[in-house]
Amino acid sequence: MFLERLDDEANEETIDIRAIRLDADKALTSFFNAIEFCSEEYEELDYVIPAKAMNEVIDHYKAQLKARVTRRNEGKDVSTEDPITGAAI
């Protein structure tokens, strides 16, 4: 049983959540830098609307994550919750 448990644990994929968050943060920063650069370079195009929409989406997800942390701190089991998806928007 011990060897089976070790094999099961070895087969499970470990996910580095911090690395994923850092990569996502870098990608978003680069994306907004590109929007800012393009808005200065190409004045005839309107980049304010997509930037506002992205900020609304990001704020929505931040609020959901903050609410999840609050529920976890109150002792609720958040591991059984459905993952956050784009369908909620």
PDB file of N, CA and C in Angstrom:
ATOM      1  N   MET A   1       0.825  -1.190   0.000  1.00  0.00           N
ATOM      2  CA  MET A   1       0.000   0.000   0.000  1.00  0.00           C
ATOM      3  C   MET A   1       0.869   1.253   0.000  1.00  0.00           C
ATOM      4  N   PHE A   2       1.982   1.201   0.736  1.00  0.00           N
ATOM      5  CA  PHE A   2       2.886   2.347   0.781  1.00  0.00           C
ATOM      6  C   PHE A   2       3.451   2.643  -0.602  1.00  0.00           C
ATOM      7  N   LEU A   3       3.885   1.593  -1.320  1.00  0.00           N
ATOM      8  CA  LEU A   3       4.454   1.773  -2.653  1.00  0.00           C
ATOM      9  C   LEU A   3       3.396   2.269  -3.637  1.00  0.00           C
ATOM     10  N   GLU A   4       2.163   1.769  -3.514  1.00  0.00           N
ATOM     11  CA  GLU A   4       1.099   2.249  -4.382  1.00  0.00           C
ATOM     12  C   GLU A   4       0.820   3.725  -4.148  1.00  0.00           C
ATOM     13  N   ARG A   5       0.826   4.128  -2.878  1.00  0.00           N
ATOM     14  CA  ARG A   5       0.580   5.537  -2.554  1.00  0.00           C
ATOM     15  C   ARG A   5       1.677   6.416  -3.135  1.00  0.00           C
ATOM     16  N   LEU A   6       2.931   5.948  -3.038  1.00  0.00           N
ATOM     17  CA  LEU A   6       4.035   6.720  -3.614  1.00  0.00           C
ATOM     18  C   LEU A   6       3.911   6.824  -5.128  1.00  0.00           C
ATOM     19  N   ASP A   7       3.509   5.724  -5.774  1.00  0.00           N
ATOM     20  CA  ASP A   7       3.321   5.767  -7.225  1.00  0.00           C
ATOM     21  C   ASP A   7       2.206   6.732  -7.608  1.00  0.00           C
ATOM     22  N   ASP A   8       1.105   6.724  -6.842  1.00  0.00           N
ATOM     23  CA  ASP A   8      -0.002   7.635  -7.124  1.00  0.00           C
ATOM     24  C   ASP A   8       0.434   9.087  -6.976  1.00  0.00           C
ATOM     25  N   GLU A   9       1.182   9.372  -5.915  1.00  0.00           N
ATOM     26  CA  GLU A   9       1.648  10.744  -5.701  1.00  0.00           C
ATOM     27  C   GLU A   9       2.642  11.158  -6.774  1.00  0.00           C
ATOM     28  N   ALA A  10       3.472  10.237  -7.226  1.00  0.00           N
ATOM     29  CA  ALA A  10       4.460  10.554  -8.266  1.00  0.00           C
ATOM     30  C   ALA A  10       3.785  10.834  -9.605  1.00  0.00           C
ATOM     31  N   ASN A  11       2.639  10.213  -9.841  1.00  0.00           N
ATOM     32  CA  ASN A  11       1.938  10.414 -11.110  1.00  0.00           C
ATOM     33  C   ASN A  11       1.136  11.708 -11.138  1.00  0.00           C
ATOM     34  N   GLU A  12       0.886  12.295  -9.979  1.00  0.00           N
ATOM     35  CA  GLU A  12       0.130  13.540  -9.934  1.00  0.00           C
ATOM     36  C   GLU A  12       1.000  14.694 -10.422  1.00  0.00           C
ATOM     37  N   GLU A  13       0.403  15.528 -11.220  1.00  0.00           N
ATOM     38  CA  GLU A  13       1.117  16.689 -11.745  1.00  0.00           C
ATOM     39  C   GLU A  13       1.126  17.793 -10.688  1.00  0.00           C
ATOM     40  N   THR A  14       2.303  18.313 -10.408  1.00  0.00           N
ATOM     41  CA  THR A  14       2.398  19.426  -9.471  1.00  0.00           C
ATOM     42  C   THR A  14       2.349  20.725 -10.265  1.00  0.00           C
ATOM     43  N   ILE A  15       1.563  21.655  -9.771  1.00  0.00           N
ATOM     44  CA  ILE A  15       1.354  22.923 -10.465  1.00  0.00           C
ATOM     45  C   ILE A  15       1.944  24.037  -9.616  1.00  0.00           C
ATOM     46  N   ASP A  16       2.807  24.823 -10.225  1.00  0.00           N
ATOM     47  CA  ASP A  16       3.410  25.959  -9.526  1.00  0.00           C
ATOM     48  C   ASP A  16       2.539  27.188  -9.776  1.00  0.00           C
ATOM     49  N   ILE A  17       1.619  27.440  -8.854  1.00  0.00           N
ATOM     50  CA  ILE A  17       0.657  28.522  -9.018  1.00  0.00           C
ATOM     51  C   ILE A  17       1.352  29.882  -9.038  1.00  0.00           C
ATOM     52  N   ARG A  18       2.363  30.042  -8.216  1.00  0.00           N
ATOM     53  CA  ARG A  18       3.077  31.329  -8.176  1.00  0.00           C
ATOM     54  C   ARG A  18       3.736  31.638  -9.520  1.00  0.00           C
ATOM     55  N   ALA A  19       4.322  30.633 -10.149  1.00  0.00           N
ATOM     56  CA  ALA A  19       4.957  30.844 -11.456  1.00  0.00           C
ATOM     57  C   ALA A  19       3.915  31.222 -12.502  1.00  0.00           C
ATOM     58  N   ILE A  20       2.752  30.587 -12.436  1.00  0.00           N
ATOM     59  CA  ILE A  20       1.686  30.903 -13.386  1.00  0.00           C
ATOM     60  C   ILE A  20       1.222  32.339 -13.181  1.00  0.00           C
ATOM     61  N   ARG A  21       1.058  32.744 -11.916  1.00  0.00           N
ATOM     62  CA  ARG A  21       0.631  34.116 -11.635  1.00  0.00           C
ATOM     63  C   ARG A  21       1.671  35.127 -12.100  1.00  0.00           C
ATOM     64  N   LEU A  22       2.957  34.825 -11.876  1.00  0.00           N
ATOM     65  CA  LEU A  22       4.014  35.733 -12.329  1.00  0.00           C
ATOM     66  C   LEU A  22       4.022  35.851 -13.851  1.00  0.00           C
ATOM     67  N   ASP A  23       3.858  34.720 -14.550  1.00  0.00           N
ATOM     68  CA  ASP A  23       3.826  34.748 -16.012  1.00  0.00           C
ATOM     69  C   ASP A  23       2.614  35.531 -16.520  1.00  0.00           C
ATOM     70  N   ALA A  24       1.459  35.320 -15.880  1.00  0.00           N
ATOM     71  CA  ALA A  24       0.253  36.052 -16.287  1.00  0.00           C
ATOM     72  C   ALA A  24       0.424  37.541 -16.035  1.00  0.00           C
ATOM     73  N   ASP A  25       1.041  37.891 -14.909  1.00  0.00           N
ATOM     74  CA  ASP A  25       1.279  39.293 -14.588  1.00  0.00           C
ATOM     75  C   ASP A  25       2.211  39.940 -15.615  1.00  0.00           C
ATOM     76  N   LYS A  26       3.261  39.229 -15.988  1.00  0.00           N
ATOM     77  CA  LYS A  26       4.186  39.745 -17.005  1.00  0.00           C
ATOM     78  C   LYS A  26       3.477  39.917 -18.349  1.00  0.00           C
ATOM     79  N   ALA A  27       2.644  38.943 -18.710  1.00  0.00           N
ATOM     80  CA  ALA A  27       1.928  39.020 -19.988  1.00  0.00           C
ATOM     81  C   ALA A  27       0.955  40.199 -19.996  1.00  0.00           C
ATOM     82  N   LEU A  28       0.228  40.409 -18.888  1.00  0.00           N
ATOM     83  CA  LEU A  28      -0.698  41.541 -18.825  1.00  0.00           C
ATOM     84  C   LEU A  28       0.045  42.868 -18.861  1.00  0.00           C
ATOM     85  N   THR A  29       1.163  42.946 -18.159  1.00  0.00           N
ATOM     86  CA  THR A  29       1.959  44.177 -18.177  1.00  0.00           C
ATOM     87  C   THR A  29       2.449  44.465 -19.586  1.00  0.00           C
ATOM     88  N   SER A  30       2.945  43.441 -20.271  1.00  0.00           N
ATOM     89  CA  SER A  30       3.403  43.625 -21.652  1.00  0.00           C
ATOM     90  C   SER A  30       2.252  44.029 -22.565  1.00  0.00           C
ATOM     91  N   PHE A  31       1.077  43.426 -22.347  1.00  0.00           N
ATOM     92  CA  PHE A  31      -0.092  43.745 -23.156  1.00  0.00           C
ATOM     93  C   PHE A  31      -0.490  45.210 -22.990  1.00  0.00           C
ATOM     94  N   PHE A  32      -0.559  45.674 -21.742  1.00  0.00           N
ATOM     95  CA  PHE A  32      -0.937  47.070 -21.511  1.00  0.00           C
ATOM     96  C   PHE A  32       0.157  48.027 -21.982  1.00  0.00           C
ATOM     97  N   ASN A  33       1.414  47.624 -21.889  1.00  0.00           N
ATOM     98  CA  ASN A  33       2.492  48.450 -22.440  1.00  0.00           C
ATOM     99  C   ASN A  33       2.360  48.564 -23.960  1.00  0.00           C
ATOM    100  N   ALA A  34       1.978  47.463 -24.601  1.00  0.00           N
ATOM    101  CA  ALA A  34       1.790  47.491 -26.055  1.00  0.00           C
ATOM    102  C   ALA A  34       0.627  48.399 -26.429  1.00  0.00           C
ATOM    103  N   ILE A  35      -0.454  48.338 -25.661  1.00  0.00           N
ATOM    104  CA  ILE A  35      -1.598  49.224 -25.928  1.00  0.00           C
ATOM    105  C   ILE A  35      -1.173  50.678 -25.775  1.00  0.00           C
ATOM    106  N   GLU A  36      -0.427  50.961 -24.715  1.00  0.00           N
ATOM    107  CA  GLU A  36       0.025  52.340 -24.499  1.00  0.00           C
ATOM    108  C   GLU A  36       0.951  52.803 -25.622  1.00  0.00           C
ATOM    109  N   PHE A  37       1.872  51.935 -26.038  1.00  0.00           N
ATOM    110  CA  PHE A  37       2.790  52.282 -27.121  1.00  0.00           C
ATOM    111  C   PHE A  37       2.022  52.539 -28.414  1.00  0.00           C
ATOM    112  N   CYS A  38       1.092  51.618 -28.744  1.00  0.00           N
ATOM    113  CA  CYS A  38       0.339  51.759 -29.996  1.00  0.00           C
ATOM    114  C   CYS A  38      -0.569  52.977 -29.974  1.00  0.00           C
ATOM    115  N   SER A  39      -1.109  53.306 -28.800  1.00  0.00           N
ATOM    116  CA  SER A  39      -1.991  54.478 -28.741  1.00  0.00           C
ATOM    117  C   SER A  39      -1.204  55.766 -28.975  1.00  0.00           C
ATOM    118  N   GLU A  40       0.069  55.779 -28.586  1.00  0.00           N
ATOM    119  CA  GLU A  40       0.902  56.956 -28.853  1.00  0.00           C
ATOM    120  C   GLU A  40       1.413  56.965 -30.289  1.00  0.00           C
ATOM    121  N   GLU A  41       1.659  55.766 -30.835  1.00  0.00           N
ATOM    122  CA  GLU A  41       2.215  55.649 -32.180  1.00  0.00           C
ATOM    123  C   GLU A  41       1.152  55.878 -33.262  1.00  0.00           C
ATOM    124  N   TYR A  42      -0.039  55.317 -33.047  1.00  0.00           N
ATOM    125  CA  TYR A  42      -1.107  55.403 -34.045  1.00  0.00           C
ATOM    126  C   TYR A  42      -2.274  56.169 -33.434  1.00  0.00           C
ATOM    127  N   GLU A  43      -2.282  57.458 -33.612  1.00  0.00           N
ATOM    128  CA  GLU A  43      -3.275  58.318 -32.962  1.00  0.00           C
ATOM    129  C   GLU A  43      -4.678  58.154 -33.551  1.00  0.00           C
ATOM    130  N   GLU A  44      -4.787  57.645 -34.784  1.00  0.00           N
ATOM    131  CA  GLU A  44      -6.111  57.528 -35.397  1.00  0.00           C
ATOM    132  C   GLU A  44      -6.905  56.350 -34.823  1.00  0.00           C
ATOM    133  N   LEU A  45      -6.255  55.405 -34.162  1.00  0.00           N
ATOM    134  CA  LEU A  45      -6.954  54.258 -33.571  1.00  0.00           C
ATOM    135  C   LEU A  45      -7.274  54.532 -32.109  1.00  0.00           C
ATOM    136  N   ASP A  46      -8.420  54.019 -31.646  1.00  0.00           N
ATOM    137  CA  ASP A  46      -8.865  54.240 -30.271  1.00  0.00           C
ATOM    138  C   ASP A  46      -8.537  53.002 -29.436  1.00  0.00           C
ATOM    139  N   TYR A  47      -7.580  53.124 -28.542  1.00  0.00           N
ATOM    140  CA  TYR A  47      -7.185  52.007 -27.688  1.00  0.00           C
ATOM    141  C   TYR A  47      -7.773  52.114 -26.289  1.00  0.00           C
ATOM    142  N   VAL A  48      -8.535  53.153 -26.018  1.00  0.00           N
ATOM    143  CA  VAL A  48      -9.105  53.335 -24.685  1.00  0.00           C
ATOM    144  C   VAL A  48     -10.185  52.294 -24.412  1.00  0.00           C
ATOM    145  N   ILE A  49     -11.013  52.009 -25.404  1.00  0.00           N
ATOM    146  CA  ILE A  49     -12.121  51.072 -25.215  1.00  0.00           C
ATOM    147  C   ILE A  49     -11.618  49.665 -24.890  1.00  0.00           C
ATOM    148  N   PRO A  50     -10.658  49.079 -25.647  1.00  0.00           N
ATOM    149  CA  PRO A  50     -10.172  47.746 -25.265  1.00  0.00           C
ATOM    150  C   PRO A  50      -9.467  47.741 -23.913  1.00  0.00           C
ATOM    151  N   ALA A  51      -8.762  48.806 -23.591  1.00  0.00           N
ATOM    152  CA  ALA A  51      -8.087  48.869 -22.294  1.00  0.00           C
ATOM    153  C   ALA A  51      -9.110  48.899 -21.155  1.00  0.00           C
ATOM    154  N   LYS A  52     -10.201  49.646 -21.343  1.00  0.00           N
ATOM    155  CA  LYS A  52     -11.257  49.694 -20.323  1.00  0.00           C
ATOM    156  C   LYS A  52     -11.898  48.323 -20.153  1.00  0.00           C
ATOM    157  N   ALA A  53     -12.160  47.651 -21.275  1.00  0.00           N
ATOM    158  CA  ALA A  53     -12.782  46.328 -21.213  1.00  0.00           C
ATOM    159  C   ALA A  53     -11.875  45.332 -20.485  1.00  0.00           C
ATOM    160  N   MET A  54     -10.588  45.380 -20.775  1.00  0.00           N
ATOM    161  CA  MET A  54      -9.646  44.481 -20.095  1.00  0.00           C
ATOM    162  C   MET A  54      -9.596  44.778 -18.601  1.00  0.00           C
ATOM    163  N   ASN A  55      -9.597  46.046 -18.238  1.00  0.00           N
ATOM    164  CA  ASN A  55      -9.589  46.403 -16.817  1.00  0.00           C
ATOM    165  C   ASN A  55     -10.845  45.917 -16.105  1.00  0.00           C
ATOM    166  N   GLU A  56     -12.000  45.979 -16.784  1.00  0.00           N
ATOM    167  CA  GLU A  56     -13.241  45.478 -16.185  1.00  0.00           C
ATOM    168  C   GLU A  56     -13.162  43.972 -15.955  1.00  0.00           C
ATOM    169  N   VAL A  57     -12.631  43.241 -16.926  1.00  0.00           N
ATOM    170  CA  VAL A  57     -12.495  41.787 -16.787  1.00  0.00           C
ATOM    171  C   VAL A  57     -11.541  41.455 -15.640  1.00  0.00           C
ATOM    172  N   ILE A  58     -10.424  42.155 -15.586  1.00  0.00           N
ATOM    173  CA  ILE A  58      -9.443  41.908 -14.527  1.00  0.00           C
ATOM    174  C   ILE A  58     -10.033  42.230 -13.163  1.00  0.00           C
ATOM    175  N   ASP A  59     -10.752  43.341 -13.054  1.00  0.00           N
ATOM    176  CA  ASP A  59     -11.394  43.694 -11.783  1.00  0.00           C
ATOM    177  C   ASP A  59     -12.417  42.648 -11.361  1.00  0.00           C
ATOM    178  N   HIS A  60     -13.154  42.117 -12.332  1.00  0.00           N
ATOM    179  CA  HIS A  60     -14.139  41.074 -12.042  1.00  0.00           C
ATOM    180  C   HIS A  60     -13.461  39.843 -11.439  1.00  0.00           C
ATOM    181  N   TYR A  61     -12.365  39.388 -12.070  1.00  0.00           N
ATOM    182  CA  TYR A  61     -11.671  38.208 -11.571  1.00  0.00           C
ATOM    183  C   TYR A  61     -11.012  38.464 -10.222  1.00  0.00           C
ATOM    184  N   LYS A  62     -10.472  39.657 -10.026  1.00  0.00           N
ATOM    185  CA  LYS A  62      -9.888  39.986  -8.730  1.00  0.00           C
ATOM    186  C   LYS A  62     -10.940  39.948  -7.631  1.00  0.00           C
ATOM    187  N   ALA A  63     -12.136  40.442  -7.922  1.00  0.00           N
ATOM    188  CA  ALA A  63     -13.221  40.420  -6.933  1.00  0.00           C
ATOM    189  C   ALA A  63     -13.627  38.987  -6.615  1.00  0.00           C
ATOM    190  N   GLN A  64     -13.699  38.131  -7.637  1.00  0.00           N
ATOM    191  CA  GLN A  64     -14.042  36.731  -7.399  1.00  0.00           C
ATOM    192  C   GLN A  64     -12.981  36.032  -6.557  1.00  0.00           C
ATOM    193  N   LEU A  65     -11.716  36.300  -6.858  1.00  0.00           N
ATOM    194  CA  LEU A  65     -10.636  35.676  -6.085  1.00  0.00           C
ATOM    195  C   LEU A  65     -10.624  36.176  -4.647  1.00  0.00           C
ATOM    196  N   LYS A  66     -10.885  37.470  -4.450  1.00  0.00           N
ATOM    197  CA  LYS A  66     -10.923  38.024  -3.096  1.00  0.00           C
ATOM    198  C   LYS A  66     -12.075  37.411  -2.301  1.00  0.00           C
ATOM    199  N   ALA A  67     -13.227  37.235  -2.947  1.00  0.00           N
ATOM    200  CA  ALA A  67     -14.369  36.619  -2.273  1.00  0.00           C
ATOM    201  C   ALA A  67     -14.053  35.170  -1.916  1.00  0.00           C
ATOM    202  N   ARG A  68     -13.326  34.495  -2.768  1.00  0.00           N
ATOM    203  CA  ARG A  68     -12.948  33.102  -2.504  1.00  0.00           C
ATOM    204  C   ARG A  68     -12.014  33.023  -1.300  1.00  0.00           C
ATOM    205  N   VAL A  69     -11.069  33.961  -1.207  1.00  0.00           N
ATOM    206  CA  VAL A  69     -10.164  33.989  -0.056  1.00  0.00           C
ATOM    207  C   VAL A  69     -10.949  34.252   1.223  1.00  0.00           C
ATOM    208  N   THR A  70     -11.920  35.158   1.145  1.00  0.00           N
ATOM    209  CA  THR A  70     -12.751  35.454   2.313  1.00  0.00           C
ATOM    210  C   THR A  70     -13.517  34.217   2.757  1.00  0.00           C
ATOM    211  N   ARG A  71     -14.093  33.486   1.795  1.00  0.00           N
ATOM    212  CA  ARG A  71     -14.821  32.265   2.148  1.00  0.00           C
ATOM    213  C   ARG A  71     -13.891  31.230   2.770  1.00  0.00           C
ATOM    214  N   ARG A  72     -12.660  31.113   2.229  1.00  0.00           N
ATOM    215  CA  ARG A  72     -11.702  30.157   2.776  1.00  0.00           C
ATOM    216  C   ARG A  72     -11.316  30.546   4.201  1.00  0.00           C
ATOM    217  N   ASN A  73     -11.127  31.850   4.449  1.00  0.00           N
ATOM    218  CA  ASN A  73     -10.769  32.315   5.795  1.00  0.00           C
ATOM    219  C   ASN A  73     -11.903  32.098   6.786  1.00  0.00           C
ATOM    220  N   GLU A  74     -13.136  32.033   6.298  1.00  0.00           N
ATOM    221  CA  GLU A  74     -14.281  31.781   7.167  1.00  0.00           C
ATOM    222  C   GLU A  74     -14.485  30.297   7.433  1.00  0.00           C
ATOM    223  N   GLY A  75     -13.600  29.466   6.885  1.00  0.00           N
ATOM    224  CA  GLY A  75     -13.659  28.031   7.153  1.00  0.00           C
ATOM    225  C   GLY A  75     -14.400  27.216   6.125  1.00  0.00           C
ATOM    226  N   LYS A  76     -14.806  27.811   5.032  1.00  0.00           N
ATOM    227  CA  LYS A  76     -15.521  27.068   3.997  1.00  0.00           C
ATOM    228  C   LYS A  76     -14.525  26.352   3.099  1.00  0.00           C
ATOM    229  N   ASP A  77     -14.950  25.218   2.550  1.00  0.00           N
ATOM    230  CA  ASP A  77     -14.084  24.421   1.674  1.00  0.00           C
ATOM    231  C   ASP A  77     -14.201  24.950   0.244  1.00  0.00           C
ATOM    232  N   VAL A  78     -13.239  25.759  -0.167  1.00  0.00           N
ATOM    233  CA  VAL A  78     -13.290  26.352  -1.513  1.00  0.00           C
ATOM    234  C   VAL A  78     -12.693  25.422  -2.562  1.00  0.00           C
ATOM    235  N   SER A  79     -12.072  24.320  -2.140  1.00  0.00           N
ATOM    236  CA  SER A  79     -11.497  23.392  -3.120  1.00  0.00           C
ATOM    237  C   SER A  79     -12.591  22.662  -3.886  1.00  0.00           C
ATOM    238  N   THR A  80     -13.811  22.675  -3.374  1.00  0.00           N
ATOM    239  CA  THR A  80     -14.912  22.004  -4.075  1.00  0.00           C
ATOM    240  C   THR A  80     -15.657  22.958  -4.995  1.00  0.00           C
ATOM    241  N   GLU A  81     -15.280  24.227  -5.019  1.00  0.00           N
ATOM    242  CA  GLU A  81     -15.943  25.192  -5.882  1.00  0.00           C
ATOM    243  C   GLU A  81     -15.521  25.018  -7.326  1.00  0.00           C
ATOM    244  N   ASP A  82     -16.413  25.416  -8.217  1.00  0.00           N
ATOM    245  CA  ASP A  82     -16.069  25.379  -9.638  1.00  0.00           C
ATOM    246  C   ASP A  82     -14.985  26.407  -9.907  1.00  0.00           C
ATOM    247  N   PRO A  83     -14.062  26.116 -10.827  1.00  0.00           N
ATOM    248  CA  PRO A  83     -13.025  27.106 -11.149  1.00  0.00           C
ATOM    249  C   PRO A  83     -13.632  28.346 -11.785  1.00  0.00           C
ATOM    250  N   ILE A  84     -12.923  29.460 -11.665  1.00  0.00           N
ATOM    251  CA  ILE A  84     -13.381  30.710 -12.251  1.00  0.00           C
ATOM    252  C   ILE A  84     -13.196  30.620 -13.759  1.00  0.00           C
ATOM    253  N   THR A  85     -14.283  30.865 -14.503  1.00  0.00           N
ATOM    254  CA  THR A  85     -14.213  30.808 -15.958  1.00  0.00           C
ATOM    255  C   THR A  85     -14.773  32.091 -16.539  1.00  0.00           C
ATOM    256  N   GLY A  86     -14.588  32.262 -17.815  1.00  0.00           N
ATOM    257  CA  GLY A  86     -15.074  33.457 -18.487  1.00  0.00           C
ATOM    258  C   GLY A  86     -16.574  33.463 -18.686  1.00  0.00           C
ATOM    259  N   ALA A  87     -17.241  32.339 -18.418  1.00  0.00           N
ATOM    260  CA  ALA A  87     -18.693  32.260 -18.628  1.00  0.00           C
ATOM    261  C   ALA A  87     -19.450  33.120 -17.631  1.00  0.00           C
ATOM    262  N   ALA A  88     -18.806  33.490 -16.522  1.00  0.00           N
ATOM    263  CA  ALA A  88     -19.488  34.252 -15.477  1.00  0.00           C
ATOM    264  C   ALA A  88     -19.666  35.718 -15.865  1.00  0.00           C
ATOM    265  N   ILE A  89     -18.964  36.169 -16.881  1.00  0.00           N
ATOM    266  CA  ILE A  89     -19.007  37.594 -17.242  1.00  0.00           C
ATOM    267  C   ILE A  89     -20.167  37.885 -18.140  1.00  0.00           C
TER     268      ILE A  89
END
